[in-house]
Amino acid sequence: MDQAADSSELLRRIEELQRKKDEKQNSLELLLRRIEGLQYEMDEKVNLVEVLTRQVENLQRVISGSSSSLRAFLFNDFIIVYVLVVQGVLIDTLFVERDELRKDIEQLCMQQAGPGYVSVATRMLTQRTAALEQDIENLQKKLGGCLRENQNLQEELAEAYRIKSQLAELHGAALSKVSHFDLKYVAILFNKL
């Protein structure tokens, strides 16, 4: 009877360990899905940066084509800068979340199967992390390019406004001279009568 009790205790213990293993496996799968979700978010951010880059290019064409839409450009430019800053914050958030997920996965692996399983999960995680880091680096490069482009467009806009104000001053001076000559002409005509 003692042997039967030991057997049932061992079976109960095995079932409990199997249940814990299944729970940890599920937790690991959830974390892996979360990493895939982060990858999807990164892809969305890449797409957004590409859209913003195209918008900057379109705005550059607008500013070189006509000066009548400068006010609209300023508003759009402000929005682009705001979105780029938000993207920078999102990139930083993804870095933090990636590090937290890495720690969670390593902890689960250690609990589930010991150090042997950690090496497999670490290799898999390292590959995914490398891909995420590459995406983040590309996003940062695009963000830097957009910020430089934004700065260049701001400088061009400032130059356009400076030229516009100079032209307005010249136009005012020309109108003043024309009105002065008109008065002289009228005075000469009046004196001849």
N, C-alpha and C. Protein backbone atom coordinates (compact mmCIF):
# COMPACT_ATOMS: atom_id res chain seq x y z
N MET A 1 0.81 -1.18 0.00
CA MET A 1 0.00 0.00 0.00
C MET A 1 0.86 1.26 0.00
N ASP A 2 1.97 1.14 0.69
CA ASP A 2 2.90 2.26 0.73
C ASP A 2 3.43 2.58 -0.67
N GLN A 3 3.65 1.52 -1.45
CA GLN A 3 4.14 1.70 -2.81
C GLN A 3 3.06 2.34 -3.69
N ALA A 4 1.82 1.97 -3.49
CA ALA A 4 0.72 2.54 -4.27
C ALA A 4 0.55 4.01 -3.92
N ALA A 5 0.72 4.36 -2.66
CA ALA A 5 0.62 5.77 -2.24
C ALA A 5 1.75 6.58 -2.85
N ASP A 6 2.95 5.99 -2.86
CA ASP A 6 4.09 6.68 -3.47
C ASP A 6 3.86 6.86 -4.97
N SER A 7 3.29 5.82 -5.60
CA SER A 7 3.00 5.90 -7.03
C SER A 7 1.98 6.99 -7.33
N SER A 8 0.91 7.03 -6.56
CA SER A 8 -0.10 8.05 -6.80
C SER A 8 0.45 9.45 -6.50
N GLU A 9 1.30 9.54 -5.49
CA GLU A 9 1.93 10.84 -5.18
C GLU A 9 2.84 11.27 -6.33
N LEU A 10 3.60 10.32 -6.88
CA LEU A 10 4.46 10.63 -8.02
C LEU A 10 3.64 11.04 -9.23
N LEU A 11 2.54 10.34 -9.49
CA LEU A 11 1.68 10.71 -10.61
C LEU A 11 1.09 12.10 -10.41
N ARG A 12 0.65 12.38 -9.19
CA ARG A 12 0.12 13.71 -8.90
C ARG A 12 1.20 14.78 -9.10
N ARG A 13 2.39 14.47 -8.64
CA ARG A 13 3.52 15.41 -8.78
C ARG A 13 3.86 15.62 -10.26
N ILE A 14 3.85 14.53 -11.05
CA ILE A 14 4.14 14.62 -12.48
C ILE A 14 3.07 15.46 -13.18
N GLU A 15 1.81 15.23 -12.82
CA GLU A 15 0.73 16.02 -13.42
C GLU A 15 0.87 17.50 -13.06
N GLU A 16 1.25 17.76 -11.82
CA GLU A 16 1.43 19.15 -11.40
C GLU A 16 2.59 19.80 -12.16
N LEU A 17 3.68 19.06 -12.30
CA LEU A 17 4.82 19.59 -13.06
C LEU A 17 4.44 19.80 -14.53
N GLN A 18 3.67 18.87 -15.09
CA GLN A 18 3.23 19.01 -16.47
C GLN A 18 2.36 20.25 -16.62
N ARG A 19 1.46 20.48 -15.65
CA ARG A 19 0.60 21.66 -15.69
C ARG A 19 1.44 22.93 -15.62
N LYS A 20 2.43 22.94 -14.72
CA LYS A 20 3.30 24.12 -14.61
C LYS A 20 4.08 24.33 -15.90
N LYS A 21 4.55 23.22 -16.48
CA LYS A 21 5.29 23.32 -17.74
C LYS A 21 4.39 23.90 -18.83
N ASP A 22 3.14 23.43 -18.91
CA ASP A 22 2.20 23.94 -19.90
C ASP A 22 1.91 25.43 -19.68
N GLU A 23 1.76 25.82 -18.42
CA GLU A 23 1.53 27.24 -18.12
C GLU A 23 2.71 28.09 -18.58
N LYS A 24 3.90 27.60 -18.29
CA LYS A 24 5.09 28.37 -18.68
C LYS A 24 5.25 28.39 -20.20
N GLN A 25 4.91 27.28 -20.84
CA GLN A 25 4.96 27.25 -22.31
C GLN A 25 3.98 28.25 -22.89
N ASN A 26 2.79 28.32 -22.31
CA ASN A 26 1.80 29.30 -22.76
C ASN A 26 2.30 30.72 -22.54
N SER A 27 2.94 30.95 -21.40
CA SER A 27 3.48 32.28 -21.13
C SER A 27 4.55 32.64 -22.14
N LEU A 28 5.41 31.68 -22.47
CA LEU A 28 6.45 31.91 -23.46
C LEU A 28 5.84 32.20 -24.82
N GLU A 29 4.81 31.45 -25.20
CA GLU A 29 4.15 31.70 -26.48
C GLU A 29 3.50 33.08 -26.51
N LEU A 30 2.92 33.49 -25.38
CA LEU A 30 2.35 34.84 -25.31
C LEU A 30 3.42 35.89 -25.52
N LEU A 31 4.56 35.69 -24.88
CA LEU A 31 5.66 36.66 -25.05
C LEU A 31 6.15 36.68 -26.50
N LEU A 32 6.23 35.52 -27.11
CA LEU A 32 6.66 35.49 -28.51
C LEU A 32 5.64 36.19 -29.41
N ARG A 33 4.35 36.01 -29.13
CA ARG A 33 3.33 36.74 -29.91
C ARG A 33 3.46 38.24 -29.66
N ARG A 34 3.79 38.60 -28.45
CA ARG A 34 3.97 40.02 -28.14
C ARG A 34 5.13 40.61 -28.95
N ILE A 35 6.20 39.83 -29.07
CA ILE A 35 7.34 40.27 -29.88
C ILE A 35 6.91 40.43 -31.33
N GLU A 36 6.11 39.48 -31.82
CA GLU A 36 5.60 39.60 -33.19
C GLU A 36 4.74 40.84 -33.34
N GLY A 37 3.95 41.14 -32.29
CA GLY A 37 3.14 42.37 -32.31
C GLY A 37 4.02 43.60 -32.37
N LEU A 38 5.12 43.57 -31.62
CA LEU A 38 6.06 44.70 -31.67
C LEU A 38 6.66 44.83 -33.06
N GLN A 39 6.96 43.69 -33.68
CA GLN A 39 7.50 43.72 -35.04
C GLN A 39 6.48 44.37 -35.98
N TYR A 40 5.21 44.02 -35.82
CA TYR A 40 4.16 44.61 -36.64
C TYR A 40 4.08 46.12 -36.40
N GLU A 41 4.16 46.52 -35.12
CA GLU A 41 4.14 47.96 -34.81
C GLU A 41 5.32 48.66 -35.46
N MET A 42 6.49 48.01 -35.41
CA MET A 42 7.68 48.61 -36.03
C MET A 42 7.45 48.77 -37.54
N ASP A 43 6.85 47.76 -38.16
CA ASP A 43 6.56 47.87 -39.59
C ASP A 43 5.61 49.03 -39.87
N GLU A 44 4.61 49.20 -39.00
CA GLU A 44 3.70 50.34 -39.17
C GLU A 44 4.46 51.66 -39.04
N LYS A 45 5.39 51.72 -38.10
CA LYS A 45 6.17 52.95 -37.92
C LYS A 45 7.04 53.22 -39.14
N VAL A 46 7.60 52.16 -39.70
CA VAL A 46 8.40 52.31 -40.92
C VAL A 46 7.53 52.88 -42.03
N ASN A 47 6.33 52.32 -42.17
CA ASN A 47 5.41 52.82 -43.20
C ASN A 47 5.06 54.28 -42.96
N LEU A 48 4.83 54.64 -41.69
CA LEU A 48 4.49 56.02 -41.36
C LEU A 48 5.64 56.96 -41.69
N VAL A 49 6.86 56.53 -41.39
CA VAL A 49 8.02 57.36 -41.71
C VAL A 49 8.15 57.53 -43.22
N GLU A 50 7.86 56.47 -43.97
CA GLU A 50 7.91 56.59 -45.43
C GLU A 50 6.85 57.57 -45.93
N VAL A 51 5.66 57.50 -45.36
CA VAL A 51 4.60 58.45 -45.74
C VAL A 51 5.03 59.87 -45.41
N LEU A 52 5.60 60.05 -44.23
CA LEU A 52 6.06 61.39 -43.84
C LEU A 52 7.16 61.88 -44.77
N THR A 53 8.03 60.99 -45.18
CA THR A 53 9.09 61.37 -46.11
C THR A 53 8.49 61.85 -47.43
N ARG A 54 7.48 61.11 -47.92
CA ARG A 54 6.83 61.55 -49.16
C ARG A 54 6.14 62.90 -48.96
N GLN A 55 5.53 63.11 -47.80
CA GLN A 55 4.89 64.40 -47.54
C GLN A 55 5.91 65.53 -47.52
N VAL A 56 7.07 65.28 -46.95
CA VAL A 56 8.12 66.30 -46.94
C VAL A 56 8.55 66.61 -48.36
N GLU A 57 8.69 65.57 -49.19
CA GLU A 57 9.06 65.80 -50.58
C GLU A 57 7.98 66.60 -51.30
N ASN A 58 6.72 66.26 -51.07
CA ASN A 58 5.63 67.02 -51.68
C ASN A 58 5.64 68.47 -51.23
N LEU A 59 5.87 68.67 -49.96
CA LEU A 59 5.92 70.04 -49.44
C LEU A 59 7.09 70.81 -50.04
N GLN A 60 8.19 70.13 -50.27
CA GLN A 60 9.33 70.79 -50.89
C GLN A 60 8.97 71.22 -52.31
N ARG A 61 8.24 70.38 -53.03
CA ARG A 61 7.80 70.78 -54.37
C ARG A 61 6.85 71.96 -54.31
N VAL A 62 5.97 71.96 -53.31
CA VAL A 62 5.01 73.06 -53.16
C VAL A 62 5.74 74.36 -52.91
N ILE A 63 6.73 74.33 -52.04
CA ILE A 63 7.42 75.58 -51.70
C ILE A 63 8.25 76.08 -52.86
N SER A 64 8.80 75.16 -53.66
CA SER A 64 9.58 75.62 -54.80
C SER A 64 8.67 76.09 -55.94
N GLY A 65 7.44 75.58 -55.98
CA GLY A 65 6.52 75.93 -57.06
C GLY A 65 5.82 77.25 -56.87
N SER A 66 5.38 77.55 -55.68
CA SER A 66 4.64 78.79 -55.49
C SER A 66 4.79 79.27 -54.07
N SER A 67 4.69 80.58 -53.91
CA SER A 67 4.81 81.15 -52.57
C SER A 67 3.44 81.44 -51.96
N SER A 68 2.37 81.18 -52.71
CA SER A 68 1.03 81.47 -52.19
C SER A 68 0.60 80.48 -51.13
N SER A 69 1.21 79.32 -51.11
CA SER A 69 0.79 78.32 -50.13
C SER A 69 1.76 78.24 -48.95
N LEU A 70 2.46 79.30 -48.66
CA LEU A 70 3.44 79.26 -47.58
C LEU A 70 2.78 79.09 -46.22
N ARG A 71 1.63 79.69 -46.02
CA ARG A 71 0.95 79.52 -44.73
C ARG A 71 0.54 78.06 -44.52
N ALA A 72 0.00 77.45 -45.55
CA ALA A 72 -0.36 76.04 -45.45
C ALA A 72 0.88 75.19 -45.20
N PHE A 73 1.98 75.57 -45.84
CA PHE A 73 3.22 74.84 -45.63
C PHE A 73 3.67 74.92 -44.18
N LEU A 74 3.59 76.09 -43.61
CA LEU A 74 4.00 76.25 -42.21
C LEU A 74 3.18 75.34 -41.31
N PHE A 75 1.89 75.28 -41.53
CA PHE A 75 1.04 74.43 -40.71
C PHE A 75 1.40 72.96 -40.90
N ASN A 76 1.56 72.53 -42.16
CA ASN A 76 1.93 71.15 -42.44
C ASN A 76 3.30 70.83 -41.86
N ASP A 77 4.22 71.77 -41.96
CA ASP A 77 5.57 71.59 -41.44
C ASP A 77 5.53 71.38 -39.93
N PHE A 78 4.70 72.15 -39.25
CA PHE A 78 4.55 72.00 -37.80
C PHE A 78 4.03 70.61 -37.47
N ILE A 79 3.05 70.15 -38.23
CA ILE A 79 2.47 68.82 -37.99
C ILE A 79 3.53 67.74 -38.22
N ILE A 80 4.33 67.88 -39.26
CA ILE A 80 5.36 66.89 -39.54
C ILE A 80 6.37 66.83 -38.40
N VAL A 81 6.80 67.98 -37.92
CA VAL A 81 7.76 68.00 -36.81
C VAL A 81 7.15 67.32 -35.58
N TYR A 82 5.89 67.62 -35.32
CA TYR A 82 5.21 67.01 -34.18
C TYR A 82 5.17 65.48 -34.33
N VAL A 83 4.80 65.00 -35.51
CA VAL A 83 4.71 63.56 -35.74
C VAL A 83 6.09 62.92 -35.63
N LEU A 84 7.12 63.58 -36.13
CA LEU A 84 8.47 63.03 -36.04
C LEU A 84 8.92 62.92 -34.60
N VAL A 85 8.59 63.90 -33.78
CA VAL A 85 8.93 63.83 -32.36
C VAL A 85 8.19 62.67 -31.70
N VAL A 86 6.92 62.51 -32.03
CA VAL A 86 6.14 61.39 -31.48
C VAL A 86 6.76 60.06 -31.92
N GLN A 87 7.20 59.97 -33.18
CA GLN A 87 7.84 58.74 -33.66
C GLN A 87 9.11 58.45 -32.88
N GLY A 88 9.89 59.49 -32.57
CA GLY A 88 11.10 59.29 -31.77
C GLY A 88 10.77 58.73 -30.40
N VAL A 89 9.70 59.21 -29.79
CA VAL A 89 9.28 58.71 -28.48
C VAL A 89 8.82 57.25 -28.61
N LEU A 90 8.10 56.93 -29.68
CA LEU A 90 7.64 55.56 -29.88
C LEU A 90 8.82 54.60 -30.08
N ILE A 91 9.84 55.05 -30.78
CA ILE A 91 11.02 54.21 -30.98
C ILE A 91 11.67 53.92 -29.64
N ASP A 92 11.81 54.93 -28.79
CA ASP A 92 12.39 54.73 -27.47
C ASP A 92 11.54 53.76 -26.65
N THR A 93 10.23 53.88 -26.75
CA THR A 93 9.33 52.98 -26.02
C THR A 93 9.51 51.54 -26.50
N LEU A 94 9.69 51.35 -27.80
CA LEU A 94 9.91 50.00 -28.33
C LEU A 94 11.22 49.41 -27.82
N PHE A 95 12.26 50.23 -27.69
CA PHE A 95 13.52 49.75 -27.11
C PHE A 95 13.30 49.22 -25.70
N VAL A 96 12.60 49.98 -24.88
CA VAL A 96 12.36 49.59 -23.49
C VAL A 96 11.54 48.30 -23.43
N GLU A 97 10.49 48.24 -24.24
CA GLU A 97 9.63 47.07 -24.23
C GLU A 97 10.37 45.83 -24.71
N ARG A 98 11.23 46.00 -25.70
CA ARG A 98 12.03 44.88 -26.19
C ARG A 98 12.93 44.32 -25.08
N ASP A 99 13.57 45.20 -24.33
CA ASP A 99 14.43 44.75 -23.25
C ASP A 99 13.64 44.02 -22.16
N GLU A 100 12.46 44.53 -21.84
CA GLU A 100 11.62 43.86 -20.83
C GLU A 100 11.20 42.48 -21.31
N LEU A 101 10.82 42.37 -22.57
CA LEU A 101 10.42 41.06 -23.11
C LEU A 101 11.59 40.08 -23.10
N ARG A 102 12.76 40.56 -23.41
CA ARG A 102 13.94 39.69 -23.40
C ARG A 102 14.16 39.12 -21.99
N LYS A 103 14.05 39.97 -20.98
CA LYS A 103 14.23 39.50 -19.60
C LYS A 103 13.15 38.49 -19.22
N ASP A 104 11.90 38.77 -19.60
CA ASP A 104 10.80 37.85 -19.28
C ASP A 104 11.00 36.49 -19.93
N ILE A 105 11.42 36.47 -21.18
CA ILE A 105 11.62 35.20 -21.88
C ILE A 105 12.76 34.42 -21.25
N GLU A 106 13.84 35.09 -20.93
CA GLU A 106 14.95 34.39 -20.29
C GLU A 106 14.52 33.79 -18.95
N GLN A 107 13.75 34.53 -18.19
CA GLN A 107 13.28 34.04 -16.90
C GLN A 107 12.37 32.83 -17.08
N LEU A 108 11.46 32.90 -18.04
CA LEU A 108 10.57 31.75 -18.30
C LEU A 108 11.35 30.52 -18.76
N CYS A 109 12.34 30.74 -19.59
CA CYS A 109 13.14 29.62 -20.08
C CYS A 109 13.88 28.95 -18.92
N MET A 110 14.44 29.74 -18.05
CA MET A 110 15.17 29.20 -16.91
C MET A 110 14.22 28.40 -16.01
N GLN A 111 13.01 28.90 -15.82
CA GLN A 111 12.05 28.20 -14.97
C GLN A 111 11.56 26.92 -15.63
N GLN A 112 11.38 26.95 -16.94
CA GLN A 112 10.74 25.84 -17.62
C GLN A 112 11.67 24.66 -17.83
N ALA A 113 12.81 24.88 -18.43
CA ALA A 113 13.62 23.73 -18.82
C ALA A 113 15.07 23.84 -18.40
N GLY A 114 15.42 24.85 -17.70
CA GLY A 114 16.80 24.98 -17.28
C GLY A 114 17.66 25.65 -18.33
N PRO A 115 18.96 25.66 -18.07
CA PRO A 115 19.88 26.41 -18.94
C PRO A 115 19.97 25.89 -20.37
N GLY A 116 19.72 24.60 -20.62
CA GLY A 116 19.81 24.07 -21.98
C GLY A 116 18.82 24.71 -22.93
N TYR A 117 17.64 24.95 -22.45
CA TYR A 117 16.60 25.56 -23.29
C TYR A 117 16.86 27.04 -23.50
N VAL A 118 17.55 27.64 -22.55
CA VAL A 118 17.83 29.08 -22.64
C VAL A 118 18.68 29.38 -23.87
N SER A 119 19.63 28.51 -24.18
CA SER A 119 20.50 28.79 -25.33
C SER A 119 19.70 28.80 -26.63
N VAL A 120 18.74 27.88 -26.76
CA VAL A 120 17.90 27.86 -27.97
C VAL A 120 17.04 29.11 -28.04
N ALA A 121 16.38 29.42 -26.93
CA ALA A 121 15.52 30.60 -26.90
C ALA A 121 16.34 31.87 -27.08
N THR A 122 17.54 31.89 -26.51
CA THR A 122 18.39 33.07 -26.64
C THR A 122 18.80 33.28 -28.09
N ARG A 123 19.15 32.20 -28.78
CA ARG A 123 19.50 32.33 -30.20
C ARG A 123 18.33 32.86 -31.00
N MET A 124 17.15 32.30 -30.75
CA MET A 124 15.95 32.75 -31.46
C MET A 124 15.67 34.21 -31.13
N LEU A 125 15.76 34.54 -29.87
CA LEU A 125 15.51 35.91 -29.44
C LEU A 125 16.57 36.86 -30.01
N THR A 126 17.81 36.40 -30.07
CA THR A 126 18.88 37.23 -30.62
C THR A 126 18.61 37.55 -32.09
N GLN A 127 18.14 36.55 -32.83
CA GLN A 127 17.83 36.79 -34.24
C GLN A 127 16.70 37.81 -34.37
N ARG A 128 15.66 37.64 -33.58
CA ARG A 128 14.55 38.59 -33.65
C ARG A 128 14.98 39.97 -33.18
N THR A 129 15.79 40.00 -32.14
CA THR A 129 16.26 41.28 -31.63
C THR A 129 17.12 41.98 -32.67
N ALA A 130 17.96 41.22 -33.36
CA ALA A 130 18.79 41.83 -34.40
C ALA A 130 17.92 42.44 -35.49
N ALA A 131 16.87 41.73 -35.86
CA ALA A 131 15.96 42.28 -36.89
C ALA A 131 15.27 43.53 -36.37
N LEU A 132 14.82 43.49 -35.12
CA LEU A 132 14.18 44.68 -34.54
C LEU A 132 15.16 45.84 -34.45
N GLU A 133 16.38 45.55 -34.03
CA GLU A 133 17.37 46.62 -33.92
C GLU A 133 17.68 47.22 -35.29
N GLN A 134 17.73 46.37 -36.31
CA GLN A 134 17.96 46.88 -37.66
C GLN A 134 16.81 47.79 -38.08
N ASP A 135 15.58 47.36 -37.80
CA ASP A 135 14.42 48.19 -38.12
C ASP A 135 14.47 49.51 -37.36
N ILE A 136 14.83 49.44 -36.09
CA ILE A 136 14.91 50.66 -35.28
C ILE A 136 15.99 51.58 -35.83
N GLU A 137 17.13 51.00 -36.20
CA GLU A 137 18.22 51.81 -36.75
C GLU A 137 17.78 52.48 -38.06
N ASN A 138 17.09 51.72 -38.91
CA ASN A 138 16.59 52.30 -40.16
C ASN A 138 15.60 53.42 -39.89
N LEU A 139 14.71 53.20 -38.91
CA LEU A 139 13.75 54.24 -38.56
C LEU A 139 14.45 55.49 -38.03
N GLN A 140 15.48 55.27 -37.23
CA GLN A 140 16.21 56.43 -36.70
C GLN A 140 16.92 57.18 -37.82
N LYS A 141 17.45 56.45 -38.80
CA LYS A 141 18.09 57.12 -39.93
C LYS A 141 17.06 57.93 -40.72
N LYS A 142 15.90 57.32 -40.97
CA LYS A 142 14.86 58.04 -41.70
C LYS A 142 14.37 59.24 -40.91
N LEU A 143 14.24 59.07 -39.60
CA LEU A 143 13.82 60.18 -38.75
C LEU A 143 14.84 61.30 -38.81
N GLY A 144 16.12 60.95 -38.74
CA GLY A 144 17.17 61.97 -38.84
C GLY A 144 17.13 62.67 -40.19
N GLY A 145 16.92 61.90 -41.25
CA GLY A 145 16.82 62.50 -42.58
C GLY A 145 15.63 63.44 -42.68
N CYS A 146 14.50 63.02 -42.12
CA CYS A 146 13.31 63.88 -42.14
C CYS A 146 13.54 65.14 -41.33
N LEU A 147 14.21 65.01 -40.20
CA LEU A 147 14.48 66.20 -39.39
C LEU A 147 15.43 67.16 -40.12
N ARG A 148 16.46 66.60 -40.79
CA ARG A 148 17.36 67.46 -41.58
C ARG A 148 16.60 68.13 -42.72
N GLU A 149 15.76 67.35 -43.39
CA GLU A 149 14.95 67.90 -44.48
C GLU A 149 14.03 68.99 -43.96
N ASN A 150 13.46 68.76 -42.81
CA ASN A 150 12.59 69.76 -42.19
C ASN A 150 13.38 71.04 -41.90
N GLN A 151 14.59 70.88 -41.37
CA GLN A 151 15.42 72.05 -41.07
C GLN A 151 15.74 72.81 -42.36
N ASN A 152 16.08 72.07 -43.42
CA ASN A 152 16.37 72.72 -44.70
C ASN A 152 15.15 73.47 -45.23
N LEU A 153 13.99 72.83 -45.12
CA LEU A 153 12.77 73.49 -45.58
C LEU A 153 12.45 74.72 -44.75
N GLN A 154 12.73 74.66 -43.46
CA GLN A 154 12.52 75.83 -42.60
C GLN A 154 13.42 76.98 -43.05
N GLU A 155 14.68 76.64 -43.37
CA GLU A 155 15.60 77.67 -43.84
C GLU A 155 15.14 78.25 -45.18
N GLU A 156 14.69 77.38 -46.08
CA GLU A 156 14.18 77.86 -47.37
C GLU A 156 12.96 78.75 -47.17
N LEU A 157 12.11 78.36 -46.26
CA LEU A 157 10.91 79.14 -45.97
C LEU A 157 11.28 80.51 -45.40
N ALA A 158 12.24 80.53 -44.49
CA ALA A 158 12.69 81.81 -43.93
C ALA A 158 13.27 82.69 -45.03
N GLU A 159 14.04 82.10 -45.93
CA GLU A 159 14.60 82.86 -47.05
C GLU A 159 13.49 83.38 -47.96
N ALA A 160 12.48 82.54 -48.21
CA ALA A 160 11.36 82.97 -49.06
C ALA A 160 10.62 84.14 -48.41
N TYR A 161 10.41 84.08 -47.11
CA TYR A 161 9.74 85.19 -46.42
C TYR A 161 10.60 86.46 -46.45
N ARG A 162 11.93 86.28 -46.30
CA ARG A 162 12.82 87.44 -46.35
C ARG A 162 12.75 88.09 -47.74
N ILE A 163 12.78 87.27 -48.78
CA ILE A 163 12.69 87.80 -50.14
C ILE A 163 11.33 88.45 -50.37
N LYS A 164 10.28 87.83 -49.85
CA LYS A 164 8.94 88.39 -50.01
C LYS A 164 8.86 89.76 -49.35
N SER A 165 9.43 89.89 -48.14
CA SER A 165 9.38 91.20 -47.47
C SER A 165 10.22 92.23 -48.23
N GLN A 166 11.36 91.81 -48.78
CA GLN A 166 12.17 92.74 -49.58
C GLN A 166 11.40 93.19 -50.82
N LEU A 167 10.73 92.23 -51.47
CA LEU A 167 9.94 92.59 -52.65
C LEU A 167 8.79 93.53 -52.28
N ALA A 168 8.18 93.30 -51.13
CA ALA A 168 7.11 94.20 -50.68
C ALA A 168 7.65 95.60 -50.43
N GLU A 169 8.85 95.69 -49.83
CA GLU A 169 9.47 97.00 -49.60
C GLU A 169 9.79 97.68 -50.93
N LEU A 170 10.35 96.92 -51.87
CA LEU A 170 10.67 97.49 -53.18
C LEU A 170 9.40 97.94 -53.91
N HIS A 171 8.36 97.14 -53.81
CA HIS A 171 7.09 97.50 -54.44
C HIS A 171 6.54 98.79 -53.82
N GLY A 172 6.61 98.88 -52.49
CA GLY A 172 6.15 100.10 -51.81
C GLY A 172 6.96 101.31 -52.25
N ALA A 173 8.28 101.15 -52.36
CA ALA A 173 9.13 102.26 -52.79
C ALA A 173 8.80 102.65 -54.23
N ALA A 174 8.58 101.66 -55.09
CA ALA A 174 8.24 101.95 -56.49
C ALA A 174 6.91 102.68 -56.57
N LEU A 175 5.92 102.24 -55.80
CA LEU A 175 4.63 102.94 -55.79
C LEU A 175 4.77 104.36 -55.30
N SER A 176 5.61 104.54 -54.30
CA SER A 176 5.84 105.89 -53.77
C SER A 176 6.45 106.79 -54.85
N LYS A 177 7.45 106.26 -55.57
CA LYS A 177 8.08 107.05 -56.64
C LYS A 177 7.09 107.35 -57.76
N VAL A 178 6.29 106.34 -58.12
CA VAL A 178 5.31 106.55 -59.18
C VAL A 178 4.31 107.62 -58.78
N SER A 179 3.82 107.55 -57.55
CA SER A 179 2.85 108.56 -57.12
C SER A 179 3.52 109.94 -57.04
N HIS A 180 4.79 109.98 -56.65
CA HIS A 180 5.52 111.25 -56.61
C HIS A 180 5.65 111.83 -58.03
N PHE A 181 6.01 110.96 -59.01
CA PHE A 181 6.12 111.43 -60.39
C PHE A 181 4.76 111.84 -60.94
N ASP A 182 3.70 111.12 -60.58
CA ASP A 182 2.35 111.50 -61.01
C ASP A 182 2.01 112.89 -60.51
N LEU A 183 2.35 113.18 -59.26
CA LEU A 183 2.07 114.51 -58.70
C LEU A 183 2.86 115.59 -59.44
N LYS A 184 4.13 115.29 -59.73
CA LYS A 184 4.94 116.27 -60.47
C LYS A 184 4.36 116.49 -61.87
N TYR A 185 3.94 115.40 -62.53
CA TYR A 185 3.37 115.52 -63.86
C TYR A 185 2.10 116.35 -63.83
N VAL A 186 1.24 116.10 -62.85
CA VAL A 186 0.00 116.88 -62.73
C VAL A 186 0.33 118.34 -62.45
N ALA A 187 1.33 118.59 -61.61
CA ALA A 187 1.72 119.97 -61.29
C ALA A 187 2.24 120.67 -62.55
N ILE A 188 3.03 119.96 -63.34
CA ILE A 188 3.56 120.56 -64.58
C ILE A 188 2.42 120.87 -65.53
N LEU A 189 1.49 119.94 -65.68
CA LEU A 189 0.35 120.18 -66.55
C LEU A 189 -0.50 121.35 -66.05
N PHE A 190 -0.66 121.42 -64.77
CA PHE A 190 -1.46 122.50 -64.18
C PHE A 190 -0.78 123.85 -64.38
N ASN A 191 0.53 123.88 -64.26
CA ASN A 191 1.28 125.13 -64.47
C ASN A 191 1.22 125.56 -65.93
N LYS A 192 1.17 124.63 -66.87
CA LYS A 192 1.10 124.99 -68.29
C LYS A 192 -0.25 125.58 -68.63
N LEU A 193 -1.29 125.23 -67.91
CA LEU A 193 -2.60 125.77 -68.20
C LEU A 193 -2.64 127.14 -67.67
